[in-house]
Protein backbone atom coordinates (compact mmCIF):
# COMPACT_ATOMS: atom_id res chain seq x y z
CA MET A 1 16.74 -8.01 -3.86
CA HIS A 2 13.74 -7.27 -1.88
CA ASN A 3 10.99 -9.88 -0.73
CA ARG A 4 7.67 -9.51 -2.83
CA PHE A 5 5.75 -10.02 0.54
CA ILE A 6 5.77 -8.28 3.78
CA LYS A 7 4.47 -10.58 6.67
CA LEU A 8 2.83 -8.66 9.25
CA SER A 9 1.05 -9.70 12.56
CA THR A 10 -2.34 -10.83 10.57
CA MET A 11 -1.55 -10.73 6.97
CA VAL A 12 0.99 -11.11 4.31
CA ILE A 13 0.94 -8.15 1.72
CA ASN A 14 2.05 -8.47 -1.77
CA THR A 15 4.14 -5.55 -2.27
CA SER A 16 3.26 -5.43 -6.05
CA ALA A 17 -0.28 -4.74 -5.13
CA ILE A 18 0.87 -1.58 -3.14
CA LYS A 19 -0.18 1.75 -5.02
CA THR A 20 0.94 4.25 -2.46
CA ILE A 21 1.83 4.71 1.02
CA ARG A 22 0.91 8.07 2.80
CA THR A 23 2.52 8.92 6.25
CA ASP A 24 0.84 10.85 8.96
CA LYS A 25 1.89 11.23 12.72
CA ASN A 26 3.28 7.70 13.51
CA LYS A 27 0.60 6.11 11.26
CA TYR A 28 0.85 4.69 7.72
CA PHE A 29 -1.88 4.57 5.09
CA ILE A 30 -1.10 1.95 2.38
CA ASN A 31 -3.31 2.09 -0.66
CA PHE A 32 -3.62 -1.02 -2.76
CA ILE A 33 -3.96 -1.17 -6.56
CA SER A 34 -7.68 -1.68 -7.36
CA THR A 35 -9.13 -4.90 -9.16
CA ASP A 36 -12.61 -3.63 -9.29
CA ILE A 37 -13.58 -1.40 -12.08
CA ASN A 38 -17.00 0.21 -12.23
CA GLY A 39 -18.62 2.39 -14.86
CA THR A 40 -21.09 2.63 -17.64
CA ILE A 41 -20.46 3.83 -21.21
CA ILE A 42 -23.50 4.53 -23.41
CA PHE A 43 -23.17 5.71 -26.90
CA GLY A 44 -19.72 6.83 -26.53
CA SER A 45 -20.08 8.76 -23.16
CA GLY A 46 -20.08 7.74 -19.47
CA GLY A 47 -17.63 7.18 -16.77
CA ILE A 48 -15.43 4.51 -15.05
CA SER A 49 -14.24 4.58 -11.62
CA THR A 50 -12.08 2.53 -9.34
CA ASP A 51 -12.30 1.97 -5.52
CA ASP A 52 -8.78 1.75 -3.96
CA ASP A 53 -8.75 -0.55 -0.94
CA THR A 54 -6.56 1.24 2.05
CA MET A 55 -5.27 0.04 5.26
CA SER A 56 -3.86 1.99 8.17
CA ILE A 57 -1.15 1.00 10.60
CA CYS A 58 -0.60 2.98 13.86
CA GLY A 59 2.75 2.96 15.47
CA GLU A 60 0.80 3.24 18.97
CA LYS A 61 -1.70 0.42 18.40
CA ASN A 62 0.50 -2.03 16.65
CA SER A 63 4.12 -0.95 17.02
CA GLN A 64 5.54 -4.37 15.71
CA ASP A 65 3.64 -3.96 12.26
CA TYR A 66 4.53 -0.23 12.25
CA LYS A 67 8.37 -1.08 12.54
CA ILE A 68 7.98 -3.93 9.71
CA ILE A 69 6.64 -1.38 7.46
CA THR A 70 9.18 1.37 8.38
CA ASP A 71 12.06 -1.06 7.91
CA TRP A 72 10.57 -2.09 4.54
CA ILE A 73 10.27 1.46 3.37
CA ASP A 74 13.72 2.69 4.52
CA SER A 75 15.27 -0.55 2.96
CA THR A 76 13.46 0.07 -0.34
CA CYS A 77 14.04 3.83 -0.51
CA SER A 78 17.75 3.15 0.35
CA SER A 79 18.48 0.69 -2.36
CA SER A 80 16.62 2.84 -4.98
CA ALA A 81 18.79 5.89 -4.11
CA SER A 82 21.96 3.78 -4.47
CA LYS A 83 21.31 2.82 -8.07
């Protein structure tokens, strides 16, 4: 069983709040589930939108946090694949 929280150097992340993680050269972009919903509906028409919070973790600038996220992704994906 995996921890529900990831402890980084300056914060603790609740893993259930992570929507997606995009990888780029030596960098992660973590998108969190939005809790803010904006919009207007008038007489049955309108629109609703959300703004997802995103944080980036760079392997060159913060190698410790980058390794923590890499290890978490590897352990989560490997346990999912073995089921």
